[in-house]
Amino acid sequence: MTFRFSHNNINVTDLEKSVAFYKEALGLREQRRHAAGDGSFTLVFLEDGLSDWRLELTWLRDHPQPYDLGENEIHFCLETDDLEAARAKHREMGCICYENPAMGIYFIADPDGYWVEIVPSRR
């Protein structure tokens, strides 16, 4: 029996704002979208075009308030082949929330406050 990663899910309060953020900040693009027939939820799967991994954004009609992210400190991580150009782009966007120069990494926060770790490619 084997397993491999498929996708991660996060719930978002403004679906189109989140889709736009991930497109601008990380170059992710919409792979597919599914809306419930009754309008109660919409799922958008974003992809990087390089791997099989997907980020699933879930919008729930009956949850308009911000999500309480608490102290769970869960994040996902993307590699970049040009850390300095990525950092400059994210500084311009004003979305860097934490930097660790000693480790050569930093984090950005999306519109809902989820953290995304950015690391240099290690290949």
C-alpha atoms as a PDB file:
ATOM      1  CA  MET A   1       0.000   0.000   0.000  1.00  0.00           C
ATOM      2  CA  THR A   2       1.351   3.445  -0.903  1.00  0.00           C
ATOM      3  CA  PHE A   3       0.171   7.007  -0.417  1.00  0.00           C
ATOM      4  CA  ARG A   4       1.048  10.327  -2.014  1.00  0.00           C
ATOM      5  CA  PHE A   5      -0.100  13.863  -1.421  1.00  0.00           C
ATOM      6  CA  SER A   6      -3.125  15.014  -3.399  1.00  0.00           C
ATOM      7  CA  HIS A   7      -4.245  18.367  -2.003  1.00  0.00           C
ATOM      8  CA  ASN A   8      -4.588  20.643   1.007  1.00  0.00           C
ATOM      9  CA  ASN A   9      -7.794  22.465   1.864  1.00  0.00           C
ATOM     10  CA  ILE A  10      -8.359  25.843   3.477  1.00  0.00           C
ATOM     11  CA  ASN A  11     -11.650  27.651   4.016  1.00  0.00           C
ATOM     12  CA  VAL A  12     -11.811  31.225   2.778  1.00  0.00           C
ATOM     13  CA  THR A  13     -14.206  34.110   3.351  1.00  0.00           C
ATOM     14  CA  ASP A  14     -13.821  35.806  -0.050  1.00  0.00           C
ATOM     15  CA  LEU A  15     -13.223  33.194  -2.729  1.00  0.00           C
ATOM     16  CA  GLU A  16     -12.377  35.513  -5.621  1.00  0.00           C
ATOM     17  CA  LYS A  17     -10.022  37.605  -3.468  1.00  0.00           C
ATOM     18  CA  SER A  18      -8.215  34.422  -2.402  1.00  0.00           C
ATOM     19  CA  VAL A  19      -8.002  33.069  -5.962  1.00  0.00           C
ATOM     20  CA  ALA A  20      -6.542  36.419  -7.086  1.00  0.00           C
ATOM     21  CA  PHE A  21      -4.038  36.441  -4.203  1.00  0.00           C
ATOM     22  CA  TYR A  22      -2.708  32.952  -4.930  1.00  0.00           C
ATOM     23  CA  LYS A  23      -2.470  33.773  -8.634  1.00  0.00           C
ATOM     24  CA  GLU A  24      -0.531  37.003  -8.036  1.00  0.00           C
ATOM     25  CA  ALA A  25       1.603  35.874  -5.091  1.00  0.00           C
ATOM     26  CA  LEU A  26       2.457  32.334  -6.170  1.00  0.00           C
ATOM     27  CA  GLY A  27       1.430  31.941  -9.799  1.00  0.00           C
ATOM     28  CA  LEU A  28      -1.161  29.297  -8.940  1.00  0.00           C
ATOM     29  CA  ARG A  29      -3.956  28.875 -11.442  1.00  0.00           C
ATOM     30  CA  GLU A  30      -7.451  27.513 -11.225  1.00  0.00           C
ATOM     31  CA  GLN A  31      -7.597  23.894 -12.264  1.00  0.00           C
ATOM     32  CA  ARG A  32     -11.275  23.279 -11.580  1.00  0.00           C
ATOM     33  CA  ARG A  33     -14.275  24.632  -9.707  1.00  0.00           C
ATOM     34  CA  HIS A  34     -17.330  22.973  -8.218  1.00  0.00           C
ATOM     35  CA  ALA A  35     -20.349  24.857  -6.917  1.00  0.00           C
ATOM     36  CA  ALA A  36     -23.091  23.170  -4.921  1.00  0.00           C
ATOM     37  CA  GLY A  37     -26.434  23.193  -6.675  1.00  0.00           C
ATOM     38  CA  ASP A  38     -28.021  25.022  -3.756  1.00  0.00           C
ATOM     39  CA  GLY A  39     -25.242  27.640  -3.593  1.00  0.00           C
ATOM     40  CA  SER A  40     -24.130  26.563  -0.113  1.00  0.00           C
ATOM     41  CA  PHE A  41     -20.467  26.080  -1.026  1.00  0.00           C
ATOM     42  CA  THR A  42     -17.940  26.457  -3.811  1.00  0.00           C
ATOM     43  CA  LEU A  43     -14.656  24.577  -4.161  1.00  0.00           C
ATOM     44  CA  VAL A  44     -11.786  25.879  -6.269  1.00  0.00           C
ATOM     45  CA  PHE A  45      -8.705  23.763  -6.891  1.00  0.00           C
ATOM     46  CA  LEU A  46      -5.512  25.662  -7.683  1.00  0.00           C
ATOM     47  CA  GLU A  47      -2.403  24.105  -9.219  1.00  0.00           C
ATOM     48  CA  ASP A  48       1.196  25.114  -9.780  1.00  0.00           C
ATOM     49  CA  GLY A  49       1.501  23.397 -13.169  1.00  0.00           C
ATOM     50  CA  LEU A  50       4.658  21.591 -12.026  1.00  0.00           C
ATOM     51  CA  SER A  51       3.447  18.992  -9.545  1.00  0.00           C
ATOM     52  CA  ASP A  52       0.349  16.919  -8.835  1.00  0.00           C
ATOM     53  CA  TRP A  53      -0.364  18.855  -5.627  1.00  0.00           C
ATOM     54  CA  ARG A  54      -3.496  21.047  -5.460  1.00  0.00           C
ATOM     55  CA  LEU A  55      -4.664  23.737  -3.058  1.00  0.00           C
ATOM     56  CA  GLU A  56      -8.405  23.461  -2.475  1.00  0.00           C
ATOM     57  CA  LEU A  57     -10.131  26.689  -1.474  1.00  0.00           C
ATOM     58  CA  THR A  58     -13.555  26.193   0.103  1.00  0.00           C
ATOM     59  CA  TRP A  59     -16.081  29.010   0.357  1.00  0.00           C
ATOM     60  CA  LEU A  60     -19.119  28.386   2.593  1.00  0.00           C
ATOM     61  CA  ARG A  61     -22.165  30.630   2.119  1.00  0.00           C
ATOM     62  CA  ASP A  62     -23.238  30.306   5.746  1.00  0.00           C
ATOM     63  CA  HIS A  63     -19.836  31.281   7.177  1.00  0.00           C
ATOM     64  CA  PRO A  64     -19.287  34.951   6.241  1.00  0.00           C
ATOM     65  CA  GLN A  65     -17.227  35.783   9.357  1.00  0.00           C
ATOM     66  CA  PRO A  66     -13.428  35.388   9.480  1.00  0.00           C
ATOM     67  CA  TYR A  67     -12.184  31.943  10.441  1.00  0.00           C
ATOM     68  CA  ASP A  68     -10.583  31.570  13.863  1.00  0.00           C
ATOM     69  CA  LEU A  69      -7.154  30.203  13.023  1.00  0.00           C
ATOM     70  CA  GLY A  70      -6.186  30.065  16.684  1.00  0.00           C
ATOM     71  CA  GLU A  71      -2.686  28.941  17.490  1.00  0.00           C
ATOM     72  CA  ASN A  72      -2.666  25.900  15.266  1.00  0.00           C
ATOM     73  CA  GLU A  73       0.304  27.203  13.223  1.00  0.00           C
ATOM     74  CA  ILE A  74      -0.400  24.866  10.314  1.00  0.00           C
ATOM     75  CA  HIS A  75       1.031  26.067   7.028  1.00  0.00           C
ATOM     76  CA  PHE A  76       1.993  24.760   3.633  1.00  0.00           C
ATOM     77  CA  CYS A  77       5.226  25.445   1.811  1.00  0.00           C
ATOM     78  CA  LEU A  78       6.238  26.260  -1.749  1.00  0.00           C
ATOM     79  CA  GLU A  79       9.715  26.238  -3.251  1.00  0.00           C
ATOM     80  CA  THR A  80      10.954  28.942  -5.588  1.00  0.00           C
ATOM     81  CA  ASP A  81      13.863  28.990  -7.990  1.00  0.00           C
ATOM     82  CA  ASP A  82      14.438  32.716  -7.286  1.00  0.00           C
ATOM     83  CA  LEU A  83      14.010  33.499  -3.595  1.00  0.00           C
ATOM     84  CA  GLU A  84      15.095  37.134  -3.866  1.00  0.00           C
ATOM     85  CA  ALA A  85      12.710  37.935  -6.731  1.00  0.00           C
ATOM     86  CA  ALA A  86       9.895  36.181  -4.850  1.00  0.00           C
ATOM     87  CA  ARG A  87      10.693  38.100  -1.657  1.00  0.00           C
ATOM     88  CA  ALA A  88      10.735  41.404  -3.577  1.00  0.00           C
ATOM     89  CA  LYS A  89       7.327  40.584  -5.114  1.00  0.00           C
ATOM     90  CA  HIS A  90       5.867  39.665  -1.728  1.00  0.00           C
ATOM     91  CA  ARG A  91       7.324  42.782  -0.085  1.00  0.00           C
ATOM     92  CA  GLU A  92       5.668  44.852  -2.816  1.00  0.00           C
ATOM     93  CA  MET A  93       2.376  43.070  -2.101  1.00  0.00           C
ATOM     94  CA  GLY A  94       2.803  43.678   1.652  1.00  0.00           C
ATOM     95  CA  CYS A  95       2.070  40.051   2.512  1.00  0.00           C
ATOM     96  CA  ILE A  96       5.306  38.962   4.233  1.00  0.00           C
ATOM     97  CA  CYS A  97       4.430  38.165   7.842  1.00  0.00           C
ATOM     98  CA  TYR A  98       7.640  36.539   9.085  1.00  0.00           C
ATOM     99  CA  GLU A  99      11.232  36.233   7.890  1.00  0.00           C
ATOM    100  CA  ASN A 100      13.997  33.952   9.115  1.00  0.00           C
ATOM    101  CA  PRO A 101      17.163  35.113   7.306  1.00  0.00           C
ATOM    102  CA  ALA A 102      19.329  32.602   9.185  1.00  0.00           C
ATOM    103  CA  MET A 103      17.345  29.741   7.646  1.00  0.00           C
ATOM    104  CA  GLY A 104      16.872  31.495   4.298  1.00  0.00           C
ATOM    105  CA  ILE A 105      13.070  31.280   4.448  1.00  0.00           C
ATOM    106  CA  TYR A 106      10.082  33.556   4.960  1.00  0.00           C
ATOM    107  CA  PHE A 107       6.310  33.344   5.258  1.00  0.00           C
ATOM    108  CA  ILE A 108       3.494  35.224   3.573  1.00  0.00           C
ATOM    109  CA  ALA A 109      -0.082  35.554   4.855  1.00  0.00           C
ATOM    110  CA  ASP A 110      -3.075  35.180   2.554  1.00  0.00           C
ATOM    111  CA  PRO A 111      -6.264  37.305   2.829  1.00  0.00           C
ATOM    112  CA  ASP A 112      -7.629  35.025   5.576  1.00  0.00           C
ATOM    113  CA  GLY A 113      -4.396  34.947   7.579  1.00  0.00           C
ATOM    114  CA  TYR A 114      -3.163  31.509   6.509  1.00  0.00           C
ATOM    115  CA  TRP A 115       0.644  31.332   6.366  1.00  0.00           C
ATOM    116  CA  VAL A 116       2.560  30.049   3.364  1.00  0.00           C
ATOM    117  CA  GLU A 117       6.253  29.235   3.778  1.00  0.00           C
ATOM    118  CA  ILE A 118       8.551  30.198   0.907  1.00  0.00           C
ATOM    119  CA  VAL A 119      11.854  28.338   0.582  1.00  0.00           C
ATOM    120  CA  PRO A 120      14.530  28.184  -2.088  1.00  0.00           C
ATOM    121  CA  SER A 121      14.534  25.164  -4.383  1.00  0.00           C
ATOM    122  CA  ARG A 122      16.779  22.511  -2.930  1.00  0.00           C
ATOM    123  CA  ARG A 123      17.191  20.453  -6.087  1.00  0.00           C
END
